[in-house]
């Protein structure tokens, strides 16, 4: 279901995969049972392809990884959190169409 450009990460790999990444990282906090999360999957695949080399897209299953969602205040899913230079830049909660997600990414990267 996920593109080969999207990596599944865990609490254990979060620091290396996200906080220490040289590229900005869009983290998709999701769960298997979440229908809106499933609706976002193809959009995230398209984003990963469109932003290849400029942005990394990763997925973190909130049911299997509790520490990271708690640390970053994830209260609803899907939640896309954009990290740059190891810090949270912005959050987008809920399923959104691709143009809205692209606008969120572009505006967030411009401001930071």
N, C-alpha and C. Protein backbone atom coordinates (compact mmCIF):
# COMPACT_ATOMS: atom_id res chain seq x y z
N UNK A 1 0.82 -1.20 0.00
CA UNK A 1 0.00 0.00 0.00
C UNK A 1 0.86 1.26 0.00
N UNK A 2 1.91 1.28 0.81
CA UNK A 2 2.80 2.43 0.85
C UNK A 2 3.79 2.39 -0.32
N UNK A 3 4.19 3.55 -0.74
CA UNK A 3 5.22 3.69 -1.75
C UNK A 3 6.56 3.26 -1.16
N UNK A 4 7.49 2.86 -2.02
CA UNK A 4 8.82 2.54 -1.52
C UNK A 4 9.53 3.80 -1.02
N UNK A 5 8.98 4.96 -1.32
CA UNK A 5 9.55 6.21 -0.85
C UNK A 5 9.10 6.55 0.58
N UNK A 6 8.10 5.84 1.10
CA UNK A 6 7.59 6.10 2.44
C UNK A 6 8.09 5.00 3.37
N UNK A 7 8.76 5.43 4.43
CA UNK A 7 9.33 4.48 5.39
C UNK A 7 8.43 4.37 6.61
N UNK A 8 8.20 3.14 7.06
CA UNK A 8 7.51 2.92 8.32
C UNK A 8 8.55 3.04 9.43
N UNK A 9 8.28 3.94 10.39
CA UNK A 9 9.24 4.15 11.47
C UNK A 9 8.62 3.75 12.80
N UNK A 10 9.44 3.73 13.84
CA UNK A 10 9.01 3.34 15.18
C UNK A 10 9.50 4.36 16.19
N UNK A 11 9.05 4.20 17.44
CA UNK A 11 9.58 5.04 18.51
C UNK A 11 11.11 4.96 18.53
N UNK A 12 11.63 3.73 18.36
CA UNK A 12 13.08 3.51 18.45
C UNK A 12 13.85 4.19 17.33
N UNK A 13 13.26 4.30 16.14
CA UNK A 13 13.98 4.89 15.01
C UNK A 13 13.65 6.37 14.80
N UNK A 14 12.75 6.92 15.60
CA UNK A 14 12.26 8.28 15.38
C UNK A 14 13.38 9.33 15.38
N UNK A 15 14.27 9.26 16.35
CA UNK A 15 15.35 10.26 16.43
C UNK A 15 16.19 10.25 15.16
N UNK A 16 16.62 9.08 14.74
CA UNK A 16 17.45 8.98 13.54
C UNK A 16 16.68 9.35 12.28
N UNK A 17 15.47 8.80 12.12
CA UNK A 17 14.71 8.99 10.89
C UNK A 17 14.10 10.38 10.74
N UNK A 18 13.80 11.04 11.85
CA UNK A 18 13.10 12.32 11.78
C UNK A 18 13.95 13.47 12.33
N UNK A 19 14.31 13.38 13.59
CA UNK A 19 14.99 14.50 14.24
C UNK A 19 16.38 14.77 13.68
N UNK A 20 17.05 13.73 13.21
CA UNK A 20 18.41 13.91 12.67
C UNK A 20 18.45 13.93 11.14
N UNK A 21 17.29 13.98 10.50
CA UNK A 21 17.23 13.99 9.04
C UNK A 21 17.74 15.31 8.49
N UNK A 22 18.48 15.23 7.40
CA UNK A 22 18.95 16.44 6.74
C UNK A 22 17.84 17.13 5.96
N UNK A 23 16.87 16.36 5.51
CA UNK A 23 15.71 16.92 4.80
C UNK A 23 14.57 17.15 5.77
N UNK A 24 13.65 18.06 5.45
CA UNK A 24 12.41 18.14 6.23
C UNK A 24 11.69 16.79 6.15
N UNK A 25 10.95 16.46 7.20
CA UNK A 25 10.26 15.17 7.27
C UNK A 25 8.78 15.39 7.59
N UNK A 26 7.91 14.78 6.79
CA UNK A 26 6.49 14.78 7.06
C UNK A 26 6.16 13.44 7.70
N UNK A 27 5.75 13.48 8.98
CA UNK A 27 5.41 12.27 9.71
C UNK A 27 3.90 12.09 9.68
N UNK A 28 3.46 10.93 9.20
CA UNK A 28 2.05 10.58 9.19
C UNK A 28 1.80 9.69 10.41
N UNK A 29 1.14 10.26 11.43
CA UNK A 29 0.72 9.47 12.58
C UNK A 29 -0.61 8.83 12.19
N UNK A 30 -0.67 7.49 12.23
CA UNK A 30 -1.82 6.77 11.68
C UNK A 30 -2.05 5.48 12.46
N UNK A 31 -3.12 4.75 12.07
CA UNK A 31 -3.41 3.42 12.63
C UNK A 31 -4.14 2.59 11.57
N UNK A 32 -4.00 1.28 11.67
CA UNK A 32 -4.61 0.36 10.70
C UNK A 32 -6.13 0.51 10.61
N UNK A 33 -6.79 0.74 11.73
CA UNK A 33 -8.25 0.79 11.79
C UNK A 33 -8.83 2.13 11.33
N UNK A 34 -7.99 3.11 11.08
CA UNK A 34 -8.42 4.48 10.80
C UNK A 34 -8.74 4.66 9.31
N UNK A 35 -10.05 4.78 8.98
CA UNK A 35 -10.44 4.96 7.58
C UNK A 35 -9.91 6.25 6.96
N UNK A 36 -9.96 7.41 7.67
CA UNK A 36 -9.36 8.62 7.08
C UNK A 36 -7.86 8.46 6.81
N UNK A 37 -7.19 7.67 7.66
CA UNK A 37 -5.76 7.40 7.44
C UNK A 37 -5.56 6.64 6.13
N UNK A 38 -6.44 5.68 5.88
CA UNK A 38 -6.37 4.90 4.65
C UNK A 38 -6.61 5.79 3.43
N UNK A 39 -7.49 6.77 3.57
CA UNK A 39 -7.77 7.70 2.47
C UNK A 39 -6.56 8.57 2.17
N UNK A 40 -5.74 8.83 3.18
CA UNK A 40 -4.56 9.68 2.99
C UNK A 40 -3.40 8.93 2.33
N UNK A 41 -3.39 7.60 2.41
CA UNK A 41 -2.26 6.81 1.91
C UNK A 41 -1.89 7.12 0.46
N UNK A 42 -2.85 7.10 -0.49
CA UNK A 42 -2.45 7.40 -1.87
C UNK A 42 -1.97 8.85 -2.05
N UNK A 43 -2.54 9.75 -1.29
CA UNK A 43 -2.12 11.16 -1.37
C UNK A 43 -0.69 11.29 -0.85
N UNK A 44 -0.39 10.61 0.25
CA UNK A 44 0.98 10.65 0.79
C UNK A 44 1.97 10.00 -0.17
N UNK A 45 1.55 8.95 -0.87
CA UNK A 45 2.42 8.35 -1.89
C UNK A 45 2.74 9.36 -2.98
N UNK A 46 1.73 10.12 -3.42
CA UNK A 46 1.93 11.14 -4.45
C UNK A 46 2.85 12.26 -3.94
N UNK A 47 2.66 12.65 -2.69
CA UNK A 47 3.49 13.70 -2.08
C UNK A 47 4.94 13.22 -2.00
N UNK A 48 5.14 11.98 -1.58
CA UNK A 48 6.50 11.43 -1.47
C UNK A 48 7.20 11.45 -2.82
N UNK A 49 6.46 11.14 -3.87
CA UNK A 49 7.03 11.15 -5.22
C UNK A 49 7.30 12.59 -5.68
N UNK A 50 6.33 13.47 -5.48
CA UNK A 50 6.47 14.86 -5.94
C UNK A 50 7.58 15.61 -5.22
N UNK A 51 7.82 15.29 -3.96
CA UNK A 51 8.82 16.01 -3.16
C UNK A 51 10.11 15.21 -2.97
N UNK A 52 10.29 14.18 -3.77
CA UNK A 52 11.48 13.33 -3.67
C UNK A 52 12.74 14.20 -3.73
N UNK A 53 13.63 14.00 -2.74
CA UNK A 53 14.87 14.78 -2.68
C UNK A 53 14.73 16.10 -1.93
N UNK A 54 13.48 16.52 -1.67
CA UNK A 54 13.23 17.78 -0.95
C UNK A 54 12.58 17.56 0.40
N UNK A 55 11.88 16.43 0.54
CA UNK A 55 11.10 16.13 1.73
C UNK A 55 11.01 14.61 1.87
N UNK A 56 11.13 14.13 3.10
CA UNK A 56 10.97 12.71 3.37
C UNK A 56 9.59 12.50 4.00
N UNK A 57 8.89 11.46 3.58
CA UNK A 57 7.60 11.11 4.16
C UNK A 57 7.76 9.79 4.91
N UNK A 58 7.33 9.77 6.18
CA UNK A 58 7.39 8.56 6.99
C UNK A 58 6.05 8.34 7.67
N UNK A 59 5.80 7.09 8.07
CA UNK A 59 4.55 6.74 8.76
C UNK A 59 4.90 6.13 10.12
N UNK A 60 4.14 6.52 11.14
CA UNK A 60 4.32 5.95 12.47
C UNK A 60 2.97 5.47 12.98
N UNK A 61 2.85 4.16 13.20
CA UNK A 61 1.61 3.54 13.68
C UNK A 61 1.45 3.85 15.17
N UNK A 62 0.40 4.61 15.51
CA UNK A 62 0.21 5.04 16.91
C UNK A 62 -0.19 3.90 17.83
N UNK A 63 -0.72 2.81 17.29
CA UNK A 63 -1.09 1.67 18.12
C UNK A 63 0.13 0.85 18.54
N UNK A 64 1.14 0.85 17.71
CA UNK A 64 2.35 0.08 17.99
C UNK A 64 3.45 0.91 18.65
N UNK A 65 3.31 2.23 18.59
CA UNK A 65 4.33 3.14 19.11
C UNK A 65 3.62 4.21 19.94
N UNK A 66 3.76 4.15 21.24
CA UNK A 66 3.02 5.06 22.11
C UNK A 66 3.82 6.28 22.55
N UNK A 67 5.13 6.15 22.68
CA UNK A 67 5.95 7.23 23.24
C UNK A 67 5.98 8.47 22.35
N UNK A 68 6.21 8.28 21.07
CA UNK A 68 6.35 9.43 20.17
C UNK A 68 5.04 10.21 20.02
N UNK A 69 3.91 9.56 19.76
CA UNK A 69 2.66 10.32 19.68
C UNK A 69 2.37 11.08 20.98
N UNK A 70 2.65 10.48 22.12
CA UNK A 70 2.42 11.16 23.41
C UNK A 70 3.33 12.37 23.53
N UNK A 71 4.58 12.22 23.12
CA UNK A 71 5.56 13.32 23.22
C UNK A 71 5.15 14.53 22.37
N UNK A 72 4.55 14.26 21.22
CA UNK A 72 4.21 15.34 20.31
C UNK A 72 2.72 15.69 20.33
N UNK A 73 2.00 15.23 21.33
CA UNK A 73 0.62 15.64 21.54
C UNK A 73 -0.37 15.19 20.48
N UNK A 74 -0.16 14.01 19.92
CA UNK A 74 -1.08 13.49 18.91
C UNK A 74 -2.37 13.07 19.62
N UNK A 75 -3.47 13.75 19.30
CA UNK A 75 -4.75 13.45 19.93
C UNK A 75 -5.77 12.92 18.93
N UNK A 76 -5.52 13.16 17.66
CA UNK A 76 -6.41 12.68 16.60
C UNK A 76 -5.58 12.24 15.42
N UNK A 77 -6.09 11.27 14.68
CA UNK A 77 -5.38 10.80 13.49
C UNK A 77 -6.34 10.76 12.31
N UNK A 78 -5.86 10.88 11.10
CA UNK A 78 -4.46 11.06 10.78
C UNK A 78 -3.97 12.46 11.18
N UNK A 79 -2.73 12.51 11.61
CA UNK A 79 -2.09 13.78 11.90
C UNK A 79 -0.75 13.79 11.18
N UNK A 80 -0.57 14.78 10.33
CA UNK A 80 0.68 14.95 9.62
C UNK A 80 1.45 16.07 10.32
N UNK A 81 2.65 15.73 10.77
CA UNK A 81 3.49 16.71 11.45
C UNK A 81 4.74 16.91 10.61
N UNK A 82 5.03 18.18 10.32
CA UNK A 82 6.19 18.52 9.51
C UNK A 82 7.33 18.92 10.44
N UNK A 83 8.46 18.23 10.30
CA UNK A 83 9.65 18.51 11.08
C UNK A 83 10.72 19.07 10.16
N UNK A 84 11.45 20.06 10.67
CA UNK A 84 12.59 20.60 9.93
C UNK A 84 13.68 20.89 10.95
N UNK A 85 14.88 20.41 10.67
CA UNK A 85 16.03 20.59 11.57
C UNK A 85 15.72 20.10 12.98
N UNK A 86 14.99 19.01 13.08
CA UNK A 86 14.72 18.39 14.36
C UNK A 86 13.60 19.01 15.18
N UNK A 87 12.90 19.98 14.61
CA UNK A 87 11.82 20.65 15.34
C UNK A 87 10.51 20.57 14.58
N UNK A 88 9.41 20.60 15.33
CA UNK A 88 8.09 20.64 14.72
C UNK A 88 7.88 22.01 14.07
N UNK A 89 7.50 21.99 12.80
CA UNK A 89 7.22 23.21 12.07
C UNK A 89 5.71 23.48 12.06
N UNK A 90 4.92 22.41 11.83
CA UNK A 90 3.47 22.57 11.74
C UNK A 90 2.78 21.22 11.79
N UNK A 91 1.47 21.25 12.12
CA UNK A 91 0.64 20.05 12.17
C UNK A 91 -0.59 20.23 11.30
N UNK A 92 -1.02 19.14 10.69
CA UNK A 92 -2.26 19.10 9.93
C UNK A 92 -3.01 17.86 10.39
N UNK A 93 -4.17 18.04 11.01
CA UNK A 93 -4.94 16.90 11.49
C UNK A 93 -6.13 16.66 10.58
N UNK A 94 -6.39 15.38 10.31
CA UNK A 94 -7.53 15.00 9.49
C UNK A 94 -7.15 14.73 8.05
N UNK A 95 -8.01 14.01 7.37
CA UNK A 95 -7.81 13.72 5.96
C UNK A 95 -8.09 14.98 5.15
N UNK A 96 -7.17 15.31 4.26
CA UNK A 96 -7.32 16.51 3.42
C UNK A 96 -6.96 16.14 1.99
N UNK A 97 -7.50 16.88 1.02
CA UNK A 97 -7.14 16.63 -0.37
C UNK A 97 -5.68 17.03 -0.64
N UNK A 98 -5.12 16.46 -1.69
CA UNK A 98 -3.71 16.73 -2.01
C UNK A 98 -3.38 18.22 -2.12
N UNK A 99 -4.19 19.03 -2.83
CA UNK A 99 -3.84 20.45 -2.92
C UNK A 99 -3.72 21.12 -1.54
N UNK A 100 -4.58 20.75 -0.62
CA UNK A 100 -4.53 21.34 0.72
C UNK A 100 -3.27 20.88 1.47
N UNK A 101 -2.91 19.60 1.31
CA UNK A 101 -1.70 19.10 1.97
C UNK A 101 -0.46 19.75 1.36
N UNK A 102 -0.44 19.91 0.05
CA UNK A 102 0.70 20.57 -0.59
C UNK A 102 0.82 22.02 -0.14
N UNK A 103 -0.30 22.70 -0.03
CA UNK A 103 -0.29 24.08 0.45
C UNK A 103 0.24 24.15 1.88
N UNK A 104 -0.21 23.22 2.73
CA UNK A 104 0.27 23.13 4.11
C UNK A 104 1.79 22.96 4.13
N UNK A 105 2.32 22.05 3.30
CA UNK A 105 3.76 21.80 3.26
C UNK A 105 4.49 23.04 2.79
N UNK A 106 4.06 23.61 1.65
CA UNK A 106 4.74 24.77 1.08
C UNK A 106 4.75 25.95 2.05
N UNK A 107 3.60 26.27 2.60
CA UNK A 107 3.52 27.41 3.53
C UNK A 107 4.36 27.18 4.78
N UNK A 108 4.34 25.96 5.30
CA UNK A 108 5.10 25.65 6.51
C UNK A 108 6.60 25.73 6.27
N UNK A 109 7.06 25.26 5.12
CA UNK A 109 8.48 25.31 4.82
C UNK A 109 8.96 26.74 4.55
N UNK A 110 8.09 27.56 3.96
CA UNK A 110 8.43 28.97 3.70
C UNK A 110 8.64 29.75 4.99
N UNK A 111 7.77 29.49 5.96
CA UNK A 111 7.78 30.25 7.22
C UNK A 111 8.96 29.88 8.12
N UNK A 112 9.54 28.70 7.90
CA UNK A 112 10.57 28.24 8.82
C UNK A 112 11.86 27.93 8.11
